[in-house]
N, C-alpha and C. Protein backbone atom coordinates (compact mmCIF):
# COMPACT_ATOMS: atom_id res chain seq x y z
N UNK A 1 20.56 9.63 -9.07
CA UNK A 1 20.18 8.45 -8.48
C UNK A 1 20.90 8.31 -7.17
N UNK A 2 20.31 7.56 -6.29
CA UNK A 2 20.55 7.51 -4.95
C UNK A 2 20.24 6.23 -4.41
N UNK A 3 21.03 5.28 -3.80
CA UNK A 3 20.69 4.24 -3.09
C UNK A 3 20.03 4.55 -1.70
N UNK A 4 18.89 4.01 -1.36
CA UNK A 4 18.41 4.13 -0.05
C UNK A 4 17.73 2.91 0.31
N UNK A 5 17.91 2.58 1.63
CA UNK A 5 16.93 1.34 2.09
C UNK A 5 15.49 1.87 2.05
N UNK A 6 14.67 0.74 2.12
CA UNK A 6 13.20 1.13 2.32
C UNK A 6 12.81 2.23 3.36
N UNK A 7 13.40 1.91 4.48
CA UNK A 7 12.99 2.94 5.62
C UNK A 7 13.57 4.25 5.36
N UNK A 8 14.83 4.35 4.64
CA UNK A 8 15.46 5.48 4.32
C UNK A 8 14.52 6.52 3.31
N UNK A 9 14.00 5.43 2.19
CA UNK A 9 13.32 6.07 1.21
C UNK A 9 12.03 6.74 1.83
N UNK A 10 11.43 5.92 2.72
CA UNK A 10 10.15 6.41 3.38
C UNK A 10 10.34 7.59 4.08
N UNK A 11 11.70 7.77 5.00
CA UNK A 11 11.87 8.83 5.61
C UNK A 11 12.08 10.00 4.67
N UNK A 12 12.75 9.85 3.69
CA UNK A 12 13.00 10.99 2.68
C UNK A 12 11.54 11.58 2.10
N UNK A 13 10.51 10.47 1.87
CA UNK A 13 9.48 10.89 1.44
C UNK A 13 8.56 11.71 2.34
N UNK A 14 8.74 11.37 3.55
CA UNK A 14 7.95 12.02 4.80
C UNK A 14 8.42 13.36 4.78
N UNK A 15 9.83 13.67 4.66
CA UNK A 15 10.48 14.85 4.84
C UNK A 15 10.37 15.59 3.61
N UNK A 16 9.73 15.21 2.53
CA UNK A 16 9.44 15.69 1.28
C UNK A 16 10.54 16.14 0.45
N UNK A 17 11.78 15.11 0.61
CA UNK A 17 13.00 15.32 -0.13
C UNK A 17 12.79 14.56 -1.48
N UNK A 18 11.84 13.51 -1.43
CA UNK A 18 11.49 12.75 -2.79
C UNK A 18 10.04 12.50 -2.69
N UNK A 19 9.63 12.04 -3.79
CA UNK A 19 8.25 11.69 -3.93
C UNK A 19 8.09 10.55 -4.78
N UNK A 20 7.34 9.57 -4.33
CA UNK A 20 6.92 8.27 -5.34
C UNK A 20 5.40 8.32 -5.08
N UNK A 21 4.83 7.68 -6.04
CA UNK A 21 3.28 7.41 -6.31
C UNK A 21 2.96 6.19 -5.03
N UNK A 22 1.78 6.29 -4.63
CA UNK A 22 1.32 5.26 -3.59
C UNK A 22 1.68 3.85 -3.95
N UNK A 23 1.53 3.33 -5.24
CA UNK A 23 2.27 1.80 -5.40
C UNK A 23 3.44 1.62 -4.90
N UNK A 24 4.49 2.62 -5.03
CA UNK A 24 5.72 2.48 -4.61
C UNK A 24 6.11 2.42 -3.16
N UNK A 25 5.00 3.52 -2.58
CA UNK A 25 4.96 3.46 -1.07
C UNK A 25 4.57 2.29 -0.65
N UNK A 26 3.57 1.77 -1.18
CA UNK A 26 3.26 0.15 -0.74
C UNK A 26 4.22 -0.84 -0.67
N UNK A 27 4.96 -0.79 -1.77
CA UNK A 27 6.10 -1.81 -2.08
C UNK A 27 7.20 -1.45 -1.10
N UNK A 28 7.57 -0.29 -0.86
CA UNK A 28 8.56 -0.01 0.35
C UNK A 28 8.14 -0.46 1.45
N UNK A 29 6.83 -0.53 1.93
CA UNK A 29 6.22 -0.97 3.19
C UNK A 29 6.48 -2.41 3.04
N UNK A 30 6.27 -2.89 2.03
CA UNK A 30 6.43 -4.26 1.99
C UNK A 30 7.81 -4.81 2.09
N UNK A 31 8.72 -4.09 1.47
CA UNK A 31 10.16 -4.42 1.69
C UNK A 31 10.74 -4.22 3.01
N UNK A 32 9.88 -3.44 3.87
CA UNK A 32 10.38 -3.16 5.31
C UNK A 32 10.17 -4.39 6.13
N UNK A 33 9.68 -5.63 5.64
CA UNK A 33 9.32 -6.81 6.37
C UNK A 33 10.82 -7.50 6.43
N UNK A 34 11.75 -7.03 5.45
CA UNK A 34 12.97 -7.88 5.36
C UNK A 34 14.12 -6.97 6.15
N UNK A 35 14.97 -7.59 6.75
CA UNK A 35 16.12 -6.99 7.50
C UNK A 35 17.50 -6.99 6.74
N UNK A 36 17.31 -7.81 5.79
CA UNK A 36 18.42 -7.96 4.82
C UNK A 36 18.14 -8.24 3.25
N UNK A 37 19.02 -7.88 2.34
CA UNK A 37 19.07 -8.45 1.08
C UNK A 37 19.03 -9.99 0.95
N UNK A 38 19.78 -10.77 1.70
CA UNK A 38 19.76 -12.00 1.84
C UNK A 38 18.29 -12.60 2.14
N UNK A 39 17.74 -11.94 3.24
CA UNK A 39 16.47 -12.41 3.84
C UNK A 39 15.24 -12.10 2.73
N UNK A 40 15.37 -11.12 1.78
CA UNK A 40 14.49 -10.84 0.76
C UNK A 40 14.70 -11.96 -0.33
N UNK A 41 16.00 -12.27 -0.62
CA UNK A 41 16.26 -13.18 -1.83
C UNK A 41 15.70 -14.56 -1.33
N UNK A 42 15.85 -14.94 -0.01
CA UNK A 42 15.40 -16.21 0.41
C UNK A 42 13.95 -16.25 0.26
N UNK A 43 13.25 -15.32 0.53
CA UNK A 43 11.81 -15.09 0.48
C UNK A 43 11.41 -15.27 -0.74
N UNK A 44 11.99 -14.49 -1.63
CA UNK A 44 11.66 -14.64 -3.22
C UNK A 44 11.91 -15.85 -3.76
N UNK A 45 12.79 -16.67 -3.52
CA UNK A 45 13.05 -17.72 -4.07
C UNK A 45 12.10 -18.76 -3.67
N UNK A 46 11.58 -18.70 -2.33
CA UNK A 46 10.77 -19.66 -1.69
C UNK A 46 9.36 -19.65 -2.18
N UNK A 47 9.09 -18.54 -2.91
CA UNK A 47 7.66 -18.23 -3.18
C UNK A 47 7.63 -18.08 -4.66
N UNK A 48 8.69 -18.17 -5.32
CA UNK A 48 8.83 -17.80 -6.68
C UNK A 48 7.76 -18.52 -7.86
N UNK A 49 7.32 -19.65 -7.36
CA UNK A 49 6.43 -20.56 -8.32
C UNK A 49 5.00 -20.50 -7.64
N UNK A 50 4.72 -19.78 -6.84
CA UNK A 50 3.39 -19.86 -6.08
C UNK A 50 2.27 -19.11 -7.10
N UNK A 51 2.80 -18.15 -7.78
CA UNK A 51 1.84 -17.47 -8.61
C UNK A 51 1.72 -16.04 -8.30
N UNK A 52 0.89 -15.23 -8.96
CA UNK A 52 0.77 -13.84 -8.59
C UNK A 52 -0.82 -13.49 -9.06
N UNK A 53 -1.12 -12.39 -8.71
CA UNK A 53 -2.58 -11.83 -8.86
C UNK A 53 -2.34 -10.56 -9.37
N UNK A 54 -3.35 -10.24 -10.65
CA UNK A 54 -3.44 -9.04 -11.16
C UNK A 54 -4.49 -8.24 -10.34
N UNK A 55 -3.92 -6.98 -10.08
CA UNK A 55 -4.39 -5.96 -9.45
C UNK A 55 -4.87 -4.71 -10.14
N UNK A 56 -5.90 -3.97 -9.68
CA UNK A 56 -6.15 -2.67 -10.26
C UNK A 56 -6.78 -1.92 -9.14
N UNK A 57 -6.09 -1.07 -8.67
CA UNK A 57 -6.72 -0.18 -7.47
C UNK A 57 -7.80 0.45 -7.97
N UNK A 58 -8.74 0.77 -7.06
CA UNK A 58 -10.03 1.41 -7.54
C UNK A 58 -9.99 2.79 -6.49
N UNK A 59 -10.05 3.86 -7.07
CA UNK A 59 -9.94 5.23 -6.26
C UNK A 59 -11.32 5.48 -5.68
N UNK A 60 -11.39 5.69 -4.60
CA UNK A 60 -12.43 6.27 -3.74
C UNK A 60 -12.16 7.56 -3.07
N UNK A 61 -12.92 8.53 -3.60
CA UNK A 61 -12.86 9.86 -3.33
C UNK A 61 -13.56 10.12 -2.24
N UNK A 62 -12.89 10.66 -0.95
CA UNK A 62 -13.64 10.92 0.10
C UNK A 62 -13.74 12.38 0.23
N UNK A 63 -14.30 13.03 1.37
CA UNK A 63 -14.32 14.44 1.65
C UNK A 63 -13.12 15.13 1.90
N UNK A 64 -12.06 14.36 2.33
CA UNK A 64 -10.82 14.98 2.80
C UNK A 64 -9.75 14.13 2.18
N UNK A 65 -9.74 13.45 1.13
CA UNK A 65 -8.65 12.58 0.67
C UNK A 65 -9.11 11.55 -0.26
N UNK A 66 -8.29 10.52 -0.51
CA UNK A 66 -8.64 9.51 -1.25
C UNK A 66 -8.12 8.29 -0.59
N UNK A 67 -8.72 7.12 -1.09
CA UNK A 67 -8.26 5.77 -0.73
C UNK A 67 -8.39 4.94 -2.04
N UNK A 68 -7.20 4.36 -2.14
CA UNK A 68 -6.95 3.38 -3.22
C UNK A 68 -7.23 1.86 -2.73
N UNK A 69 -8.45 1.39 -3.16
CA UNK A 69 -9.00 0.14 -2.64
C UNK A 69 -8.17 -0.88 -3.50
N UNK A 70 -7.83 -1.97 -2.82
CA UNK A 70 -7.04 -3.07 -3.51
C UNK A 70 -7.91 -4.23 -3.22
N UNK A 71 -7.66 -5.44 -3.87
CA UNK A 71 -8.46 -6.48 -3.73
C UNK A 71 -8.31 -7.05 -2.53
N UNK A 72 -9.40 -7.72 -1.99
CA UNK A 72 -9.70 -8.01 -0.67
C UNK A 72 -10.23 -7.19 0.42
N UNK A 73 -10.12 -5.80 -0.01
CA UNK A 73 -10.73 -4.78 0.94
C UNK A 73 -12.44 -4.93 0.74
N UNK A 74 -12.91 -4.56 2.03
CA UNK A 74 -14.46 -4.69 1.88
C UNK A 74 -15.25 -3.85 1.05
N UNK A 75 -14.42 -2.63 0.74
CA UNK A 75 -14.96 -1.67 -0.34
C UNK A 75 -14.74 -1.81 -1.68
N UNK A 76 -13.88 -2.72 -1.95
CA UNK A 76 -13.41 -3.31 -3.41
C UNK A 76 -14.40 -3.59 -4.23
N UNK A 77 -14.86 -3.17 -5.39
CA UNK A 77 -15.97 -3.56 -6.19
C UNK A 77 -15.71 -5.09 -6.66
N UNK A 78 -16.83 -5.74 -6.84
CA UNK A 78 -16.87 -7.05 -7.52
C UNK A 78 -16.25 -7.14 -8.96
N UNK A 79 -16.44 -6.10 -9.67
CA UNK A 79 -16.07 -6.09 -10.87
C UNK A 79 -15.23 -4.91 -11.29
N UNK A 80 -14.01 -4.72 -10.91
CA UNK A 80 -13.22 -3.78 -11.00
C UNK A 80 -12.71 -3.60 -12.48
N UNK A 81 -12.22 -2.40 -12.95
CA UNK A 81 -11.80 -2.07 -14.04
C UNK A 81 -10.43 -2.28 -14.39
N UNK A 82 -10.21 -3.59 -14.93
CA UNK A 82 -8.71 -3.91 -15.11
C UNK A 82 -8.00 -3.43 -16.37
N UNK A 83 -8.84 -2.83 -17.30
CA UNK A 83 -8.42 -2.24 -18.44
C UNK A 83 -8.14 -0.64 -18.29
N UNK A 84 -8.79 -0.15 -17.31
CA UNK A 84 -8.71 1.49 -17.42
C UNK A 84 -9.72 1.94 -18.19
N UNK A 85 -10.53 1.27 -19.02
CA UNK A 85 -11.49 2.06 -19.93
C UNK A 85 -12.60 2.73 -19.22
N UNK A 86 -13.04 2.06 -18.32
CA UNK A 86 -14.18 2.63 -17.37
C UNK A 86 -13.92 3.81 -16.61
N UNK A 87 -12.51 4.17 -16.32
CA UNK A 87 -12.13 5.16 -15.30
C UNK A 87 -13.07 5.23 -14.22
N UNK A 88 -13.26 4.22 -13.45
CA UNK A 88 -13.73 3.80 -12.30
C UNK A 88 -13.43 4.64 -11.29
N UNK A 89 -14.11 5.50 -10.66
CA UNK A 89 -13.84 6.35 -9.43
C UNK A 89 -14.87 6.25 -8.57
N UNK A 90 -15.06 5.84 -7.38
CA UNK A 90 -16.15 5.95 -6.42
C UNK A 90 -15.86 7.30 -5.61
N UNK A 91 -16.83 7.66 -4.94
CA UNK A 91 -16.86 8.83 -4.17
C UNK A 91 -17.82 8.80 -2.99
N UNK A 92 -17.72 9.40 -2.00
CA UNK A 92 -18.39 9.46 -0.75
C UNK A 92 -18.42 10.80 -0.24
N UNK A 93 -19.35 11.37 0.55
CA UNK A 93 -19.08 12.53 1.31
C UNK A 93 -18.41 12.42 2.70
N UNK A 94 -18.40 11.08 3.07
CA UNK A 94 -17.69 10.76 4.31
C UNK A 94 -16.18 11.38 4.27
N UNK A 95 -15.67 11.47 5.59
CA UNK A 95 -14.30 11.59 5.71
C UNK A 95 -13.54 10.35 5.85
N UNK A 96 -12.24 10.29 5.44
CA UNK A 96 -11.40 9.11 5.46
C UNK A 96 -11.42 8.67 6.90
N UNK A 97 -11.41 9.47 7.82
CA UNK A 97 -11.38 8.83 9.23
C UNK A 97 -12.79 8.00 9.37
N UNK A 98 -13.68 8.64 8.99
CA UNK A 98 -14.99 7.81 9.31
C UNK A 98 -15.05 6.46 8.61
N UNK A 99 -14.39 6.39 7.49
CA UNK A 99 -14.41 5.39 6.69
C UNK A 99 -13.61 4.24 7.26
N UNK A 100 -12.60 4.83 7.69
CA UNK A 100 -11.76 3.67 8.59
C UNK A 100 -12.39 3.28 9.75
N UNK A 101 -13.03 3.93 10.39
CA UNK A 101 -13.67 3.76 11.73
C UNK A 101 -14.93 2.57 11.40
N UNK A 102 -15.63 2.87 10.21
CA UNK A 102 -16.54 2.04 9.88
C UNK A 102 -16.23 0.78 9.33
N UNK A 103 -14.97 0.43 8.82
CA UNK A 103 -14.46 -0.55 8.35
C UNK A 103 -14.11 -1.67 9.11
N UNK A 104 -13.75 -2.82 8.55
CA UNK A 104 -13.04 -3.94 9.32
C UNK A 104 -12.03 -4.74 8.41
N UNK A 105 -12.28 -4.71 7.32
CA UNK A 105 -11.39 -5.60 6.31
C UNK A 105 -10.86 -4.51 5.47
N UNK A 106 -9.44 -4.61 5.77
CA UNK A 106 -8.47 -3.50 4.81
C UNK A 106 -7.57 -3.90 3.98
N UNK A 107 -7.50 -3.38 2.90
CA UNK A 107 -6.46 -3.69 1.90
C UNK A 107 -6.41 -2.35 1.05
N UNK A 108 -5.85 -1.26 1.62
CA UNK A 108 -6.05 -0.11 0.88
C UNK A 108 -4.90 0.98 1.22
N UNK A 109 -4.75 1.83 0.40
CA UNK A 109 -3.65 2.87 0.53
C UNK A 109 -4.52 4.27 0.81
N UNK A 110 -4.23 4.84 1.88
CA UNK A 110 -5.06 6.07 2.27
C UNK A 110 -4.19 7.34 1.79
N UNK A 111 -4.74 8.42 1.03
CA UNK A 111 -4.04 9.41 0.71
C UNK A 111 -4.67 10.67 1.18
N UNK A 112 -4.00 11.34 2.12
CA UNK A 112 -4.57 12.59 2.59
C UNK A 112 -4.01 13.66 1.84
N UNK A 113 -2.78 13.58 1.45
CA UNK A 113 -2.44 14.69 0.46
C UNK A 113 -1.02 14.04 -0.24
N UNK A 114 -0.34 14.75 -1.11
CA UNK A 114 0.62 14.22 -1.75
C UNK A 114 1.77 13.56 -0.97
N UNK A 115 2.07 14.14 0.32
CA UNK A 115 2.99 13.59 0.97
C UNK A 115 2.40 12.83 2.29
N UNK A 116 1.22 12.71 2.57
CA UNK A 116 0.55 12.13 3.53
C UNK A 116 -0.01 10.65 3.23
N UNK A 117 0.68 9.72 3.21
CA UNK A 117 0.02 8.48 2.71
C UNK A 117 0.10 7.36 3.80
N UNK A 118 -0.75 6.54 3.81
CA UNK A 118 -0.80 5.37 4.60
C UNK A 118 -1.15 4.17 4.12
N UNK A 119 -0.66 2.82 4.56
CA UNK A 119 -0.92 1.62 4.14
C UNK A 119 -1.70 0.96 5.30
N UNK A 120 -2.87 0.35 4.96
CA UNK A 120 -3.67 -0.42 5.94
C UNK A 120 -4.02 -1.83 5.27
N UNK A 121 -3.51 -2.86 5.85
CA UNK A 121 -3.85 -4.26 5.42
C UNK A 121 -4.08 -5.13 6.50
N UNK A 122 -5.28 -5.87 6.41
CA UNK A 122 -5.27 -6.86 7.64
C UNK A 122 -5.91 -8.12 6.91
N UNK A 123 -5.79 -8.33 5.73
CA UNK A 123 -6.33 -9.75 5.01
C UNK A 123 -4.88 -10.60 4.91
N UNK A 124 -5.23 -11.89 4.53
CA UNK A 124 -4.08 -12.89 4.30
C UNK A 124 -3.71 -12.58 2.86
N UNK A 125 -2.36 -12.38 2.60
CA UNK A 125 -1.87 -12.44 1.40
C UNK A 125 -2.16 -13.55 0.51
N UNK A 126 -2.38 -13.40 -0.61
CA UNK A 126 -2.52 -14.78 -1.55
C UNK A 126 -0.99 -15.09 -2.02
N UNK A 127 -1.03 -16.47 -2.44
CA UNK A 127 0.13 -17.00 -2.94
C UNK A 127 1.51 -16.68 -2.17
N UNK A 128 1.13 -17.03 -0.85
CA UNK A 128 2.41 -17.12 0.17
C UNK A 128 3.16 -15.80 0.11
N UNK A 129 2.55 -14.68 -0.60
CA UNK A 129 3.19 -13.42 -0.41
C UNK A 129 3.18 -12.99 0.99
N UNK A 130 3.71 -11.56 1.31
CA UNK A 130 3.72 -11.20 2.39
C UNK A 130 3.19 -9.88 2.41
N UNK A 131 2.57 -9.18 3.25
CA UNK A 131 1.66 -7.91 3.32
C UNK A 131 2.61 -6.90 3.67
N UNK A 132 2.47 -5.79 3.21
CA UNK A 132 3.42 -4.53 3.65
C UNK A 132 3.04 -4.24 5.14
N UNK A 133 4.17 -3.75 5.72
CA UNK A 133 4.07 -3.27 7.09
C UNK A 133 2.95 -2.13 6.96
N UNK A 134 1.91 -2.19 7.81
CA UNK A 134 0.82 -1.04 7.75
C UNK A 134 1.66 0.11 8.56
N UNK A 135 1.91 1.17 7.65
CA UNK A 135 2.54 2.43 8.15
C UNK A 135 2.05 3.70 7.55
N UNK A 136 1.96 4.54 8.46
CA UNK A 136 1.48 5.79 8.05
C UNK A 136 2.77 6.91 7.77
N UNK A 137 2.82 7.65 6.88
CA UNK A 137 4.09 8.31 6.78
C UNK A 137 4.37 9.21 7.71
N UNK A 138 3.45 9.11 8.81
CA UNK A 138 3.70 10.09 10.10
C UNK A 138 4.22 9.23 10.96
N UNK A 139 4.52 7.78 10.85
CA UNK A 139 5.19 6.65 11.72
C UNK A 139 6.50 6.47 11.41
N UNK A 140 7.42 6.41 12.07
CA UNK A 140 8.71 5.92 11.77
C UNK A 140 9.28 4.80 12.37
N UNK A 141 8.29 3.82 12.66
CA UNK A 141 8.61 2.68 13.49
C UNK A 141 8.77 1.34 12.66
N UNK A 142 10.17 1.29 12.06
CA UNK A 142 10.39 0.06 11.22
C UNK A 142 11.69 -0.37 11.67
N UNK A 143 11.74 -1.64 11.18
CA UNK A 143 12.98 -2.23 11.64
C UNK A 143 13.79 -2.82 10.40
N UNK A 144 13.44 -2.55 9.16
CA UNK A 144 14.30 -3.26 8.26
C UNK A 144 15.52 -2.35 7.75
N UNK A 145 16.49 -3.15 7.46
CA UNK A 145 17.88 -2.72 7.46
C UNK A 145 18.35 -2.90 5.95
N UNK A 146 17.49 -3.05 5.04
CA UNK A 146 17.91 -3.15 3.61
C UNK A 146 18.55 -2.13 2.96
């Protein structure tokens, strides 16, 4: 076990010292919005009764990687598989870069390979939540000090 701040964990992920799945990368990017534990606690307390949303990522297999589509993304299906029984996987012959250029409404995690992950979000978060910082694992421009 080792304590790491969100930016430190992302740096360790980028350098391949550790690995965590895309949902955890997304949450580390969300935590990078807060400069201190006190700020995170204040935010958590202020929105605690607002509610939450059930999510089920939908995997889109592209020619050169994968995109985990999340609710609100323009490619997210109207009827996602919340139970996992359908094993819904979408596919395309397009490259990830082309899908990103064609799109405009994003809530997705782009996975080029196991250590090349990026988060893209430009939708309004529901229930007064906060979006993750849009971050590519190749970019180290964050300001969190948690």
